[in-house]
Amino acid sequence: MSFLPDFGIFTMGLWSVGLGAIGAAVTGIVLANTDLFLSKPEKATLEFLEEIELKTLGSEQRTFKASELWKKNGAVIMAVRRPG
């Protein structure tokens, strides 16, 4: 007769939780440090940039097409899309 309880189920549960934690940590590290699952960015074409409507900041509110920026002179354009 043994008076010690059976720790088999407790040990199996501990192993399951431990392996799950290790798997979650590895997955988190892979997702945080790689871009394997991210969509690739598209390059903006000149036609797309010409049609964008811009708004001025300040007291005088004015809306105009981006192509007006480089009609008479050249312009350097950087298009940035915020996530979300």
PDB file of N, CA and C in Angstrom:
ATOM      1  N   MET A   1       0.828  -1.171   0.000  1.00  0.00           N
ATOM      2  CA  MET A   1       0.000   0.000   0.000  1.00  0.00           C
ATOM      3  C   MET A   1       0.877   1.241   0.000  1.00  0.00           C
ATOM      4  N   SER A   2       0.563   2.147  -0.875  1.00  0.00           N
ATOM      5  CA  SER A   2       1.338   3.382  -0.973  1.00  0.00           C
ATOM      6  C   SER A   2       0.475   4.559  -0.538  1.00  0.00           C
ATOM      7  N   PHE A   3       1.026   5.384   0.317  1.00  0.00           N
ATOM      8  CA  PHE A   3       0.291   6.561   0.781  1.00  0.00           C
ATOM      9  C   PHE A   3       0.637   7.820  -0.021  1.00  0.00           C
ATOM     10  N   LEU A   4       1.518   7.702  -1.007  1.00  0.00           N
ATOM     11  CA  LEU A   4       1.882   8.843  -1.836  1.00  0.00           C
ATOM     12  C   LEU A   4       0.862   9.008  -2.973  1.00  0.00           C
ATOM     13  N   PRO A   5       0.439  10.237  -3.249  1.00  0.00           N
ATOM     14  CA  PRO A   5      -0.510  10.443  -4.350  1.00  0.00           C
ATOM     15  C   PRO A   5       0.173  10.249  -5.704  1.00  0.00           C
ATOM     16  N   ASP A   6      -0.628   9.982  -6.700  1.00  0.00           N
ATOM     17  CA  ASP A   6      -0.124   9.789  -8.056  1.00  0.00           C
ATOM     18  C   ASP A   6       0.049  11.157  -8.727  1.00  0.00           C
ATOM     19  N   PHE A   7       1.258  11.509  -9.058  1.00  0.00           N
ATOM     20  CA  PHE A   7       1.543  12.799  -9.681  1.00  0.00           C
ATOM     21  C   PHE A   7       1.618  12.711 -11.209  1.00  0.00           C
ATOM     22  N   GLY A   8       1.157  11.645 -11.801  1.00  0.00           N
ATOM     23  CA  GLY A   8       1.254  11.451 -13.250  1.00  0.00           C
ATOM     24  C   GLY A   8       0.480  12.495 -14.030  1.00  0.00           C
ATOM     25  N   ILE A   9      -0.752  12.771 -13.638  1.00  0.00           N
ATOM     26  CA  ILE A   9      -1.568  13.749 -14.356  1.00  0.00           C
ATOM     27  C   ILE A   9      -1.017  15.153 -14.134  1.00  0.00           C
ATOM     28  N   PHE A  10      -0.562  15.445 -12.921  1.00  0.00           N
ATOM     29  CA  PHE A  10       0.027  16.755 -12.627  1.00  0.00           C
ATOM     30  C   PHE A  10       1.280  16.981 -13.467  1.00  0.00           C
ATOM     31  N   THR A  11       2.108  15.965 -13.598  1.00  0.00           N
ATOM     32  CA  THR A  11       3.338  16.069 -14.383  1.00  0.00           C
ATOM     33  C   THR A  11       3.022  16.257 -15.857  1.00  0.00           C
ATOM     34  N   MET A  12       2.026  15.545 -16.361  1.00  0.00           N
ATOM     35  CA  MET A  12       1.645  15.682 -17.764  1.00  0.00           C
ATOM     36  C   MET A  12       1.108  17.089 -18.036  1.00  0.00           C
ATOM     37  N   GLY A  13       0.312  17.626 -17.128  1.00  0.00           N
ATOM     38  CA  GLY A  13      -0.195  18.988 -17.288  1.00  0.00           C
ATOM     39  C   GLY A  13       0.916  20.018 -17.244  1.00  0.00           C
ATOM     40  N   LEU A  14       1.893  19.803 -16.379  1.00  0.00           N
ATOM     41  CA  LEU A  14       3.025  20.725 -16.283  1.00  0.00           C
ATOM     42  C   LEU A  14       3.837  20.717 -17.569  1.00  0.00           C
ATOM     43  N   TRP A  15       4.043  19.536 -18.138  1.00  0.00           N
ATOM     44  CA  TRP A  15       4.749  19.447 -19.410  1.00  0.00           C
ATOM     45  C   TRP A  15       3.973  20.160 -20.517  1.00  0.00           C
ATOM     46  N   SER A  16       2.670  19.992 -20.546  1.00  0.00           N
ATOM     47  CA  SER A  16       1.848  20.635 -21.580  1.00  0.00           C
ATOM     48  C   SER A  16       1.920  22.154 -21.482  1.00  0.00           C
ATOM     49  N   VAL A  17       1.804  22.677 -20.278  1.00  0.00           N
ATOM     50  CA  VAL A  17       1.884  24.126 -20.084  1.00  0.00           C
ATOM     51  C   VAL A  17       3.278  24.635 -20.437  1.00  0.00           C
ATOM     52  N   GLY A  18       4.295  23.888 -20.050  1.00  0.00           N
ATOM     53  CA  GLY A  18       5.672  24.290 -20.355  1.00  0.00           C
ATOM     54  C   GLY A  18       5.950  24.321 -21.849  1.00  0.00           C
ATOM     55  N   LEU A  19       5.518  23.280 -22.547  1.00  0.00           N
ATOM     56  CA  LEU A  19       5.717  23.247 -23.999  1.00  0.00           C
ATOM     57  C   LEU A  19       4.908  24.334 -24.695  1.00  0.00           C
ATOM     58  N   GLY A  20       3.712  24.602 -24.200  1.00  0.00           N
ATOM     59  CA  GLY A  20       2.902  25.687 -24.775  1.00  0.00           C
ATOM     60  C   GLY A  20       3.563  27.042 -24.584  1.00  0.00           C
ATOM     61  N   ALA A  21       4.155  27.263 -23.421  1.00  0.00           N
ATOM     62  CA  ALA A  21       4.851  28.529 -23.161  1.00  0.00           C
ATOM     63  C   ALA A  21       6.076  28.673 -24.049  1.00  0.00           C
ATOM     64  N   ILE A  22       6.807  27.599 -24.227  1.00  0.00           N
ATOM     65  CA  ILE A  22       7.976  27.643 -25.113  1.00  0.00           C
ATOM     66  C   ILE A  22       7.548  27.899 -26.552  1.00  0.00           C
ATOM     67  N   GLY A  23       6.491  27.239 -26.986  1.00  0.00           N
ATOM     68  CA  GLY A  23       5.983  27.457 -28.348  1.00  0.00           C
ATOM     69  C   GLY A  23       5.507  28.891 -28.554  1.00  0.00           C
ATOM     70  N   ALA A  24       4.820  29.457 -27.569  1.00  0.00           N
ATOM     71  CA  ALA A  24       4.355  30.841 -27.674  1.00  0.00           C
ATOM     72  C   ALA A  24       5.545  31.800 -27.706  1.00  0.00           C
ATOM     73  N   ALA A  25       6.575  31.528 -26.923  1.00  0.00           N
ATOM     74  CA  ALA A  25       7.753  32.396 -26.918  1.00  0.00           C
ATOM     75  C   ALA A  25       8.481  32.351 -28.260  1.00  0.00           C
ATOM     76  N   VAL A  26       8.654  31.165 -28.814  1.00  0.00           N
ATOM     77  CA  VAL A  26       9.326  31.037 -30.116  1.00  0.00           C
ATOM     78  C   VAL A  26       8.508  31.728 -31.204  1.00  0.00           C
ATOM     79  N   THR A  27       7.200  31.535 -31.190  1.00  0.00           N
ATOM     80  CA  THR A  27       6.334  32.183 -32.181  1.00  0.00           C
ATOM     81  C   THR A  27       6.407  33.698 -32.055  1.00  0.00           C
ATOM     82  N   GLY A  28       6.387  34.209 -30.842  1.00  0.00           N
ATOM     83  CA  GLY A  28       6.492  35.649 -30.624  1.00  0.00           C
ATOM     84  C   GLY A  28       7.799  36.214 -31.124  1.00  0.00           C
ATOM     85  N   ILE A  29       8.887  35.511 -30.893  1.00  0.00           N
ATOM     86  CA  ILE A  29      10.199  35.970 -31.360  1.00  0.00           C
ATOM     87  C   ILE A  29      10.258  35.980 -32.880  1.00  0.00           C
ATOM     88  N   VAL A  30       9.734  34.944 -33.514  1.00  0.00           N
ATOM     89  CA  VAL A  30       9.744  34.882 -34.978  1.00  0.00           C
ATOM     90  C   VAL A  30       8.891  36.001 -35.568  1.00  0.00           C
ATOM     91  N   LEU A  31       7.694  36.215 -35.033  1.00  0.00           N
ATOM     92  CA  LEU A  31       6.819  37.245 -35.575  1.00  0.00           C
ATOM     93  C   LEU A  31       7.353  38.651 -35.315  1.00  0.00           C
ATOM     94  N   ALA A  32       8.016  38.870 -34.203  1.00  0.00           N
ATOM     95  CA  ALA A  32       8.519  40.204 -33.879  1.00  0.00           C
ATOM     96  C   ALA A  32       9.771  40.564 -34.679  1.00  0.00           C
ATOM     97  N   ASN A  33      10.535  39.584 -35.088  1.00  0.00           N
ATOM     98  CA  ASN A  33      11.820  39.877 -35.719  1.00  0.00           C
ATOM     99  C   ASN A  33      11.888  39.577 -37.209  1.00  0.00           C
ATOM    100  N   THR A  34      10.833  39.106 -37.802  1.00  0.00           N
ATOM    101  CA  THR A  34      10.842  38.838 -39.237  1.00  0.00           C
ATOM    102  C   THR A  34       9.622  39.477 -39.878  1.00  0.00           C
ATOM    103  N   ASP A  35       9.635  39.531 -41.187  1.00  0.00           N
ATOM    104  CA  ASP A  35       8.474  40.014 -41.923  1.00  0.00           C
ATOM    105  C   ASP A  35       7.905  38.901 -42.821  1.00  0.00           C
ATOM    106  N   LEU A  36       7.981  37.685 -42.344  1.00  0.00           N
ATOM    107  CA  LEU A  36       7.533  36.550 -43.142  1.00  0.00           C
ATOM    108  C   LEU A  36       6.044  36.609 -43.475  1.00  0.00           C
ATOM    109  N   PHE A  37       5.223  37.090 -42.543  1.00  0.00           N
ATOM    110  CA  PHE A  37       3.781  37.044 -42.721  1.00  0.00           C
ATOM    111  C   PHE A  37       3.168  38.405 -43.049  1.00  0.00           C
ATOM    112  N   LEU A  38       4.001  39.424 -43.292  1.00  0.00           N
ATOM    113  CA  LEU A  38       3.495  40.742 -43.636  1.00  0.00           C
ATOM    114  C   LEU A  38       3.308  40.865 -45.133  1.00  0.00           C
ATOM    115  N   SER A  39       2.331  41.662 -45.539  1.00  0.00           N
ATOM    116  CA  SER A  39       2.148  41.892 -46.971  1.00  0.00           C
ATOM    117  C   SER A  39       3.242  42.833 -47.463  1.00  0.00           C
ATOM    118  N   LYS A  40       3.622  42.679 -48.708  1.00  0.00           N
ATOM    119  CA  LYS A  40       4.686  43.494 -49.283  1.00  0.00           C
ATOM    120  C   LYS A  40       4.123  44.854 -49.691  1.00  0.00           C
ATOM    121  N   PRO A  41       4.873  45.941 -49.455  1.00  0.00           N
ATOM    122  CA  PRO A  41       4.376  47.270 -49.832  1.00  0.00           C
ATOM    123  C   PRO A  41       4.383  47.460 -51.342  1.00  0.00           C
ATOM    124  N   GLU A  42       3.447  48.250 -51.819  1.00  0.00           N
ATOM    125  CA  GLU A  42       3.396  48.572 -53.235  1.00  0.00           C
ATOM    126  C   GLU A  42       4.061  49.913 -53.462  1.00  0.00           C
ATOM    127  N   LYS A  43       4.715  50.063 -54.598  1.00  0.00           N
ATOM    128  CA  LYS A  43       5.321  51.340 -54.940  1.00  0.00           C
ATOM    129  C   LYS A  43       4.252  52.236 -55.548  1.00  0.00           C
ATOM    130  N   ALA A  44       4.241  53.501 -55.128  1.00  0.00           N
ATOM    131  CA  ALA A  44       3.260  54.450 -55.646  1.00  0.00           C
ATOM    132  C   ALA A  44       3.675  54.890 -57.047  1.00  0.00           C
ATOM    133  N   THR A  45       2.732  54.869 -57.983  1.00  0.00           N
ATOM    134  CA  THR A  45       2.999  55.322 -59.342  1.00  0.00           C
ATOM    135  C   THR A  45       2.789  56.828 -59.426  1.00  0.00           C
ATOM    136  N   LEU A  46       3.337  57.435 -60.469  1.00  0.00           N
ATOM    137  CA  LEU A  46       3.188  58.872 -60.661  1.00  0.00           C
ATOM    138  C   LEU A  46       1.725  59.242 -60.892  1.00  0.00           C
ATOM    139  N   GLU A  47       0.994  58.400 -61.609  1.00  0.00           N
ATOM    140  CA  GLU A  47      -0.428  58.664 -61.865  1.00  0.00           C
ATOM    141  C   GLU A  47      -1.226  58.679 -60.553  1.00  0.00           C
ATOM    142  N   PHE A  48      -0.907  57.767 -59.669  1.00  0.00           N
ATOM    143  CA  PHE A  48      -1.592  57.720 -58.378  1.00  0.00           C
ATOM    144  C   PHE A  48      -1.270  58.970 -57.557  1.00  0.00           C
ATOM    145  N   LEU A  49       0.014  59.367 -57.539  1.00  0.00           N
ATOM    146  CA  LEU A  49       0.418  60.542 -56.770  1.00  0.00           C
ATOM    147  C   LEU A  49      -0.188  61.830 -57.318  1.00  0.00           C
ATOM    148  N   GLU A  50      -0.371  61.916 -58.649  1.00  0.00           N
ATOM    149  CA  GLU A  50      -0.948  63.123 -59.252  1.00  0.00           C
ATOM    150  C   GLU A  50      -2.376  63.365 -58.793  1.00  0.00           C
ATOM    151  N   GLU A  51      -3.120  62.320 -58.538  1.00  0.00           N
ATOM    152  CA  GLU A  51      -4.550  62.443 -58.225  1.00  0.00           C
ATOM    153  C   GLU A  51      -4.844  62.650 -56.742  1.00  0.00           C
ATOM    154  N   ILE A  52      -3.848  62.616 -55.902  1.00  0.00           N
ATOM    155  CA  ILE A  52      -4.072  62.780 -54.464  1.00  0.00           C
ATOM    156  C   ILE A  52      -4.466  64.222 -54.167  1.00  0.00           C
ATOM    157  N   GLU A  53      -5.493  64.387 -53.347  1.00  0.00           N
ATOM    158  CA  GLU A  53      -5.910  65.720 -52.929  1.00  0.00           C
ATOM    159  C   GLU A  53      -5.190  66.090 -51.647  1.00  0.00           C
ATOM    160  N   LEU A  54      -4.559  67.261 -51.666  1.00  0.00           N
ATOM    161  CA  LEU A  54      -3.826  67.759 -50.508  1.00  0.00           C
ATOM    162  C   LEU A  54      -4.577  68.920 -49.881  1.00  0.00           C
ATOM    163  N   LYS A  55      -4.450  69.076 -48.583  1.00  0.00           N
ATOM    164  CA  LYS A  55      -5.074  70.180 -47.860  1.00  0.00           C
ATOM    165  C   LYS A  55      -3.984  70.976 -47.158  1.00  0.00           C
ATOM    166  N   THR A  56      -4.115  72.289 -47.196  1.00  0.00           N
ATOM    167  CA  THR A  56      -3.138  73.141 -46.532  1.00  0.00           C
ATOM    168  C   THR A  56      -3.428  73.213 -45.040  1.00  0.00           C
ATOM    169  N   LEU A  57      -2.387  73.485 -44.282  1.00  0.00           N
ATOM    170  CA  LEU A  57      -2.527  73.695 -42.850  1.00  0.00           C
ATOM    171  C   LEU A  57      -2.521  75.196 -42.580  1.00  0.00           C
ATOM    172  N   GLY A  58      -3.149  75.608 -41.511  1.00  0.00           N
ATOM    173  CA  GLY A  58      -3.140  77.014 -41.148  1.00  0.00           C
ATOM    174  C   GLY A  58      -4.517  77.631 -41.270  1.00  0.00           C
ATOM    175  N   SER A  59      -4.536  78.959 -41.285  1.00  0.00           N
ATOM    176  CA  SER A  59      -5.820  79.662 -41.273  1.00  0.00           C
ATOM    177  C   SER A  59      -6.531  79.594 -42.629  1.00  0.00           C
ATOM    178  N   GLU A  60      -5.771  79.630 -43.720  1.00  0.00           N
ATOM    179  CA  GLU A  60      -6.383  79.568 -45.051  1.00  0.00           C
ATOM    180  C   GLU A  60      -6.495  78.105 -45.494  1.00  0.00           C
ATOM    181  N   GLN A  61      -7.702  77.589 -45.535  1.00  0.00           N
ATOM    182  CA  GLN A  61      -7.919  76.200 -45.947  1.00  0.00           C
ATOM    183  C   GLN A  61      -8.031  76.142 -47.465  1.00  0.00           C
ATOM    184  N   ARG A  62      -7.180  75.345 -48.086  1.00  0.00           N
ATOM    185  CA  ARG A  62      -7.187  75.199 -49.540  1.00  0.00           C
ATOM    186  C   ARG A  62      -6.954  73.730 -49.873  1.00  0.00           C
ATOM    187  N   THR A  63      -7.689  73.231 -50.845  1.00  0.00           N
ATOM    188  CA  THR A  63      -7.524  71.859 -51.308  1.00  0.00           C
ATOM    189  C   THR A  63      -7.070  71.894 -52.763  1.00  0.00           C
ATOM    190  N   PHE A  64      -6.062  71.097 -53.090  1.00  0.00           N
ATOM    191  CA  PHE A  64      -5.562  71.057 -54.466  1.00  0.00           C
ATOM    192  C   PHE A  64      -4.990  69.686 -54.759  1.00  0.00           C
ATOM    193  N   LYS A  65      -4.824  69.416 -56.047  1.00  0.00           N
ATOM    194  CA  LYS A  65      -4.245  68.143 -56.476  1.00  0.00           C
ATOM    195  C   LYS A  65      -2.730  68.196 -56.316  1.00  0.00           C
ATOM    196  N   ALA A  66      -2.136  67.072 -56.058  1.00  0.00           N
ATOM    197  CA  ALA A  66      -0.685  67.013 -55.844  1.00  0.00           C
ATOM    198  C   ALA A  66       0.084  67.355 -57.106  1.00  0.00           C
ATOM    199  N   SER A  67      -0.505  67.158 -58.269  1.00  0.00           N
ATOM    200  CA  SER A  67       0.202  67.461 -59.514  1.00  0.00           C
ATOM    201  C   SER A  67       0.503  68.950 -59.648  1.00  0.00           C
ATOM    202  N   GLU A  68      -0.230  69.811 -58.932  1.00  0.00           N
ATOM    203  CA  GLU A  68       0.053  71.249 -58.968  1.00  0.00           C
ATOM    204  C   GLU A  68       1.411  71.566 -58.363  1.00  0.00           C
ATOM    205  N   LEU A  69       1.931  70.701 -57.503  1.00  0.00           N
ATOM    206  CA  LEU A  69       3.218  70.956 -56.866  1.00  0.00           C
ATOM    207  C   LEU A  69       4.362  70.955 -57.876  1.00  0.00           C
ATOM    208  N   TRP A  70       4.268  70.142 -58.912  1.00  0.00           N
ATOM    209  CA  TRP A  70       5.383  70.036 -59.850  1.00  0.00           C
ATOM    210  C   TRP A  70       5.007  70.448 -61.274  1.00  0.00           C
ATOM    211  N   LYS A  71       3.926  71.235 -61.456  1.00  0.00           N
ATOM    212  CA  LYS A  71       3.579  71.713 -62.794  1.00  0.00           C
ATOM    213  C   LYS A  71       4.650  72.647 -63.352  1.00  0.00           C
ATOM    214  N   LYS A  72       5.083  73.637 -62.562  1.00  0.00           N
ATOM    215  CA  LYS A  72       6.038  74.632 -63.056  1.00  0.00           C
ATOM    216  C   LYS A  72       7.462  74.305 -62.634  1.00  0.00           C
ATOM    217  N   ASN A  73       7.641  73.738 -61.479  1.00  0.00           N
ATOM    218  CA  ASN A  73       8.969  73.399 -60.966  1.00  0.00           C
ATOM    219  C   ASN A  73       8.982  71.936 -60.538  1.00  0.00           C
ATOM    220  N   GLY A  74      10.177  71.408 -60.388  1.00  0.00           N
ATOM    221  CA  GLY A  74      10.298  70.042 -59.912  1.00  0.00           C
ATOM    222  C   GLY A  74       9.965  69.960 -58.431  1.00  0.00           C
ATOM    223  N   ALA A  75       9.669  68.773 -57.974  1.00  0.00           N
ATOM    224  CA  ALA A  75       9.348  68.574 -56.565  1.00  0.00           C
ATOM    225  C   ALA A  75       9.818  67.195 -56.129  1.00  0.00           C
ATOM    226  N   VAL A  76      10.187  67.104 -54.886  1.00  0.00           N
ATOM    227  CA  VAL A  76      10.530  65.813 -54.295  1.00  0.00           C
ATOM    228  C   VAL A  76       9.336  65.382 -53.468  1.00  0.00           C
ATOM    229  N   ILE A  77       8.857  64.159 -53.703  1.00  0.00           N
ATOM    230  CA  ILE A  77       7.640  63.690 -53.045  1.00  0.00           C
ATOM    231  C   ILE A  77       7.960  62.428 -52.265  1.00  0.00           C
ATOM    232  N   MET A  78       7.462  62.384 -51.047  1.00  0.00           N
ATOM    233  CA  MET A  78       7.579  61.179 -50.244  1.00  0.00           C
ATOM    234  C   MET A  78       6.166  60.817 -49.782  1.00  0.00           C
ATOM    235  N   ALA A  79       5.711  59.651 -50.157  1.00  0.00           N
ATOM    236  CA  ALA A  79       4.377  59.199 -49.754  1.00  0.00           C
ATOM    237  C   ALA A  79       4.533  58.234 -48.584  1.00  0.00           C
ATOM    238  N   VAL A  80       3.842  58.538 -47.483  1.00  0.00           N
ATOM    239  CA  VAL A  80       3.925  57.718 -46.296  1.00  0.00           C
ATOM    240  C   VAL A  80       2.514  57.317 -45.907  1.00  0.00           C
ATOM    241  N   ARG A  81       2.306  56.039 -45.672  1.00  0.00           N
ATOM    242  CA  ARG A  81       1.002  55.559 -45.221  1.00  0.00           C
ATOM    243  C   ARG A  81       1.151  55.089 -43.801  1.00  0.00           C
ATOM    244  N   ARG A  82       0.379  55.673 -42.932  1.00  0.00           N
ATOM    245  CA  ARG A  82       0.409  55.232 -41.528  1.00  0.00           C
ATOM    246  C   ARG A  82      -0.322  53.904 -41.400  1.00  0.00           C
ATOM    247  N   PRO A  83       0.151  53.031 -40.550  1.00  0.00           N
ATOM    248  CA  PRO A  83      -0.581  51.779 -40.351  1.00  0.00           C
ATOM    249  C   PRO A  83      -1.915  52.016 -39.672  1.00  0.00           C
ATOM    250  N   GLY A  84      -2.889  51.219 -40.041  1.00  0.00           N
ATOM    251  CA  GLY A  84      -4.180  51.307 -39.357  1.00  0.00           C
ATOM    252  C   GLY A  84      -5.263  51.945 -40.114  1.00  0.00           C
TER     253      GLY A  84
END
